[in-house]
Amino acid sequence: MPTALLAEDEPLLLAELKEALADLWPELAIVAETGDGAATLAALRQHAPDVAFLDINMPKATGLDVARMRPPGTAIVFLTAYGQHALDAFDVGAVDYLVKPLNRGRLLETIERLRCRLDQSATPAAQRAPAAAPVQAPRYLSWIQASVGSMVRVITVDEVIFFQSDAKYTKVATSQVEALIRVPVKDLAAQLDPEEFIQISRGAIVNRRRIEAIYRREGQVEIRLKGRPEVLQVSAGFQSQPALRQM
């Protein structure tokens, strides 16, 4: 049974997180609940849980400070109302970074990521297939920092429905927000996992899992996406891609 520690100094948010975890990950056992950094560190050392959900801004010691001193093997998920700590969070090896208010869809994605990590850790080395030769897997983007008005928001690529050129910027569209980044679409294409994203024109890339329907008529191809009202055009030069033809 996987175990977890919850560190949150706001009782209402702690209760919301516990309820969401009970619904989405019922086999998870909560072994400790803490409200400040010192108590969190002590509980981590006592219980050595599989996962720790840490608020970043806690009294006595921040979540970042606690993460740096965590026991080996404890996966970290940060929760915060602010996005400016994202780089520091991933520098200390966080599995994910959730921005408050808590979104259950995003939390479920985090849980799936944690389950995969725990399953791999639980598999005895003798049962794992031996690697023939070490191959460096390509590193694709897992999250981006994008501007939403005057705020900088951390968005995981799993949330993105499509990227689209917008004047000097690139629009990042999710089911909840539209944000802007300065990276052009042509550069983004090389940084995204081709198993997850497909370029449909010089100015647009879509999340393959978010495609709801593809319409083909008189040489035109259009894509309708889940969670967005737009219908995007597939340029003629991109219509013959195997990924599109198989759908």
Protein backbone atom coordinates (compact mmCIF):
# COMPACT_ATOMS: atom_id res chain seq x y z
CA MET A 1 0.00 0.00 0.00
CA PRO A 2 1.54 3.37 -0.98
CA THR A 3 1.96 5.95 1.77
CA ALA A 4 1.89 9.73 1.79
CA LEU A 5 2.53 12.76 3.96
CA LEU A 6 0.45 15.93 3.52
CA ALA A 7 2.05 19.24 4.52
CA GLU A 8 -0.35 22.18 4.32
CA ASP A 9 -0.79 24.98 6.85
CA GLU A 10 -4.30 25.97 5.68
CA PRO A 11 -6.90 23.56 7.16
CA LEU A 12 -9.45 24.03 4.38
CA LEU A 13 -6.91 23.29 1.65
CA LEU A 14 -5.63 20.29 3.60
CA ALA A 15 -9.17 18.92 3.88
CA GLU A 16 -9.74 19.49 0.15
CA LEU A 17 -6.53 17.64 -0.74
CA LYS A 18 -7.40 14.71 1.55
CA GLU A 19 -10.86 14.41 0.04
CA ALA A 20 -9.52 14.54 -3.52
CA LEU A 21 -6.87 11.90 -2.80
CA ALA A 22 -9.44 9.64 -1.13
CA ASP A 23 -11.58 9.81 -4.27
CA LEU A 24 -8.82 9.56 -6.89
CA TRP A 25 -6.29 7.32 -5.11
CA PRO A 26 -8.26 5.32 -2.51
CA GLU A 27 -5.44 2.83 -1.81
CA LEU A 28 -3.11 5.64 -0.70
CA ALA A 29 -2.52 5.65 3.08
CA ILE A 30 -1.99 9.07 4.70
CA VAL A 31 0.60 8.46 7.42
CA ALA A 32 1.08 12.06 8.59
CA GLU A 33 -0.40 15.56 8.28
CA THR A 34 1.70 18.58 9.18
CA GLY A 35 1.42 22.36 9.09
CA ASP A 36 4.98 23.66 9.27
CA GLY A 37 8.38 22.82 7.87
CA ALA A 38 9.95 21.55 11.09
CA ALA A 39 7.11 19.14 11.83
CA THR A 40 7.12 18.01 8.21
CA LEU A 41 10.80 17.17 8.25
CA ALA A 42 10.40 15.21 11.50
CA ALA A 43 7.45 13.27 10.07
CA LEU A 44 9.36 12.50 6.89
CA ARG A 45 12.23 11.07 8.88
CA GLN A 46 9.87 9.05 11.08
CA HIS A 47 7.64 7.58 8.35
CA ALA A 48 9.74 7.79 5.13
CA PRO A 49 6.55 7.88 3.02
CA ASP A 50 6.46 7.05 -0.67
CA VAL A 51 5.08 10.51 -1.51
CA ALA A 52 5.08 13.90 0.18
CA PHE A 53 2.66 16.63 -0.91
CA LEU A 54 4.37 19.83 0.26
CA ASP A 55 3.09 23.38 0.45
CA ILE A 56 6.00 25.61 -0.53
CA ASN A 57 5.23 28.56 1.77
CA MET A 58 5.17 26.98 5.23
CA PRO A 59 6.32 28.49 8.54
CA LYS A 60 9.62 27.44 10.16
CA ALA A 61 10.97 25.91 6.91
CA THR A 62 9.78 26.11 3.33
CA GLY A 63 8.71 23.12 1.31
CA LEU A 64 11.85 23.56 -0.80
CA ASP A 65 14.03 23.35 2.30
CA VAL A 66 12.21 20.23 3.45
CA ALA A 67 12.51 18.59 0.00
CA ARG A 68 16.28 19.05 0.02
CA MET A 69 16.49 17.07 3.28
CA ARG A 70 13.91 14.39 2.53
CA PRO A 71 14.69 10.68 2.94
CA PRO A 72 15.85 8.84 -0.18
CA GLY A 73 12.95 7.35 -2.11
CA THR A 74 10.29 9.88 -1.13
CA ALA A 75 8.72 11.49 -4.20
CA ILE A 76 7.83 15.16 -3.88
CA VAL A 77 4.79 17.00 -5.23
CA PHE A 78 4.63 20.71 -4.50
CA LEU A 79 1.44 22.70 -3.97
CA THR A 80 1.49 26.48 -4.10
CA ALA A 81 -0.57 29.50 -5.04
CA TYR A 82 2.35 30.97 -6.97
CA GLY A 83 4.27 29.92 -10.05
CA GLN A 84 7.58 31.64 -9.47
CA HIS A 85 9.10 28.72 -7.55
CA ALA A 86 8.73 26.22 -10.41
CA LEU A 87 12.38 26.21 -11.46
CA ASP A 88 13.55 25.67 -7.88
CA ALA A 89 10.95 22.93 -7.41
CA PHE A 90 12.18 20.88 -10.34
CA ASP A 91 15.80 21.54 -9.36
CA VAL A 92 15.17 19.57 -6.14
CA GLY A 93 13.66 16.69 -8.12
CA ALA A 94 9.93 17.30 -7.74
CA VAL A 95 7.68 14.88 -9.61
CA ASP A 96 5.12 17.62 -10.18
CA TYR A 97 4.13 21.17 -9.27
CA LEU A 98 0.45 21.88 -8.64
CA VAL A 99 -0.83 25.43 -8.55
CA LYS A 100 -3.71 26.24 -6.19
CA PRO A 101 -6.68 26.19 -6.29
CA LEU A 102 -6.52 22.42 -6.58
CA ASN A 103 -7.63 21.07 -9.95
CA ARG A 104 -8.73 17.43 -9.77
CA GLY A 105 -7.91 16.78 -13.41
CA ARG A 106 -4.32 17.91 -12.87
CA LEU A 107 -4.13 15.98 -9.60
CA LEU A 108 -5.23 12.80 -11.39
CA GLU A 109 -2.41 13.26 -13.93
CA THR A 110 0.03 13.63 -11.03
CA ILE A 111 -1.32 10.48 -9.38
CA GLU A 112 -0.84 8.49 -12.59
CA ARG A 113 2.74 9.74 -12.81
CA LEU A 114 3.35 8.75 -9.18
CA ARG A 115 1.81 5.31 -9.68
CA CYS A 116 4.12 4.62 -12.62
CA ARG A 117 7.10 5.74 -10.58
CA LEU A 118 6.13 3.53 -7.62
CA ASP A 119 5.46 0.53 -9.88
CA GLN A 120 8.93 0.83 -11.41
CA SER A 121 10.53 1.12 -7.98
CA ALA A 122 8.68 -1.97 -6.75
CA THR A 123 9.86 -4.18 -9.61
CA PRO A 124 12.89 -6.27 -8.46
CA ALA A 125 16.01 -5.60 -10.50
CA ALA A 126 16.26 -9.30 -11.38
CA GLN A 127 12.87 -9.17 -13.11
CA ARG A 128 13.71 -6.17 -15.24
CA ALA A 129 14.81 -6.77 -18.81
CA PRO A 130 18.56 -6.16 -19.11
CA ALA A 131 19.49 -3.11 -21.13
CA ALA A 132 21.52 -3.95 -24.22
CA ALA A 133 23.36 -0.67 -24.41
CA PRO A 134 22.71 2.62 -22.66
CA VAL A 135 20.76 4.92 -24.94
CA GLN A 136 20.18 8.50 -23.97
CA ALA A 137 16.44 9.09 -24.26
CA PRO A 138 15.45 12.46 -25.70
CA ARG A 139 14.37 14.98 -23.11
CA TYR A 140 11.12 16.63 -24.06
CA LEU A 141 9.38 19.56 -22.42
CA SER A 142 7.28 18.57 -19.42
CA TRP A 143 6.25 22.07 -18.32
CA ILE A 144 6.48 25.68 -19.43
CA GLN A 145 6.22 29.12 -17.86
CA ALA A 146 3.68 31.25 -19.72
CA SER A 147 2.24 34.74 -19.24
CA VAL A 148 -1.43 35.15 -18.39
CA GLY A 149 -1.90 38.91 -18.24
CA SER A 150 0.56 40.20 -15.65
CA MET A 151 0.94 36.77 -14.00
CA VAL A 152 3.43 34.05 -14.91
CA ARG A 153 1.84 30.63 -14.71
CA VAL A 154 3.41 27.17 -14.71
CA ILE A 155 1.62 24.91 -17.21
CA THR A 156 2.48 21.26 -17.71
CA VAL A 157 2.44 20.15 -21.32
CA ASP A 158 -0.21 17.56 -20.43
CA GLU A 159 -2.63 20.45 -19.91
CA VAL A 160 -1.96 22.05 -23.29
CA ILE A 161 -4.60 21.49 -25.98
CA PHE A 162 -2.79 23.40 -28.71
CA PHE A 163 -0.03 25.90 -29.44
CA GLN A 164 -0.64 28.56 -32.09
CA SER A 165 1.37 31.47 -33.48
CA ASP A 166 0.04 34.82 -32.26
CA ALA A 167 1.92 37.84 -33.65
CA LYS A 168 5.30 37.92 -31.89
CA TYR A 169 4.24 35.25 -29.39
CA THR A 170 2.90 31.72 -29.30
CA LYS A 171 -0.50 31.14 -27.71
CA VAL A 172 -0.76 28.27 -25.24
CA ALA A 173 -4.37 27.08 -25.02
CA THR A 174 -5.63 24.82 -22.23
CA SER A 175 -9.21 24.03 -21.24
CA GLN A 176 -9.06 26.82 -18.66
CA VAL A 177 -6.70 29.55 -19.84
CA GLU A 178 -4.92 31.11 -22.79
CA ALA A 179 -1.33 32.13 -22.12
CA LEU A 180 1.60 33.44 -24.16
CA ILE A 181 5.20 32.34 -24.55
CA ARG A 182 8.01 33.76 -26.66
CA VAL A 183 9.13 30.44 -28.16
CA PRO A 184 8.09 30.20 -31.85
CA VAL A 185 6.10 27.18 -33.03
CA LYS A 186 8.96 25.94 -35.25
CA ASP A 187 11.25 25.73 -32.20
CA LEU A 188 8.57 24.19 -29.97
CA ALA A 189 7.99 21.33 -32.41
CA ALA A 190 11.46 19.93 -31.71
CA GLN A 191 11.00 20.18 -27.94
CA LEU A 192 7.69 18.29 -27.70
CA ASP A 193 7.21 14.53 -27.61
CA PRO A 194 6.02 13.49 -31.11
CA GLU A 195 4.01 10.69 -29.50
CA GLU A 196 1.94 13.35 -27.74
CA PHE A 197 1.93 16.35 -30.09
CA ILE A 198 1.55 16.78 -33.83
CA GLN A 199 2.22 19.87 -35.95
CA ILE A 200 -0.70 20.61 -38.27
CA SER A 201 0.62 23.79 -39.91
CA ARG A 202 3.58 26.12 -39.71
CA GLY A 203 1.77 27.99 -36.97
CA ALA A 204 0.00 25.31 -34.92
CA ILE A 205 0.72 22.18 -32.88
CA VAL A 206 -2.03 20.11 -31.25
CA ASN A 207 -2.11 17.60 -28.41
CA ARG A 208 -3.01 14.30 -30.07
CA ARG A 209 -4.94 13.10 -27.01
CA ARG A 210 -7.15 16.21 -27.20
CA ILE A 211 -8.33 15.64 -30.77
CA GLU A 212 -12.07 15.07 -30.74
CA ALA A 213 -12.77 14.80 -34.47
CA ILE A 214 -11.13 15.23 -37.87
CA TYR A 215 -13.20 16.49 -40.80
CA ARG A 216 -12.09 15.86 -44.38
CA ARG A 217 -13.90 17.38 -47.35
CA GLU A 218 -12.83 18.60 -50.78
CA GLY A 219 -9.14 18.49 -49.94
CA GLN A 220 -9.60 20.40 -46.68
CA VAL A 221 -8.82 18.90 -43.28
CA GLU A 222 -10.09 20.45 -40.04
CA ILE A 223 -9.57 19.39 -36.44
CA ARG A 224 -11.97 19.87 -33.54
CA LEU A 225 -10.40 19.66 -30.09
CA LYS A 226 -11.81 18.57 -26.74
CA GLY A 227 -12.37 21.45 -24.35
CA ARG A 228 -11.94 24.24 -26.92
CA PRO A 229 -14.38 25.89 -29.35
CA GLU A 230 -11.85 26.46 -32.15
CA VAL A 231 -11.73 24.42 -35.35
CA LEU A 232 -8.12 24.35 -36.60
CA GLN A 233 -7.12 23.98 -40.25
CA VAL A 234 -4.52 21.41 -41.27
CA SER A 235 -2.25 22.86 -43.95
CA ALA A 236 -1.91 20.87 -47.19
CA GLY A 237 1.74 20.06 -46.52
CA PHE A 238 0.89 18.48 -43.16
CA GLN A 239 -2.18 16.43 -44.18
CA SER A 240 -0.24 13.34 -45.27
CA GLN A 241 1.35 12.69 -41.87
CA PRO A 242 0.83 9.05 -40.77
CA ALA A 243 -0.36 10.22 -37.35
CA LEU A 244 -3.26 12.07 -38.96
CA ARG A 245 -4.04 9.48 -41.59
CA GLN A 246 -4.39 6.79 -38.94
CA MET A 247 -7.08 8.74 -37.07
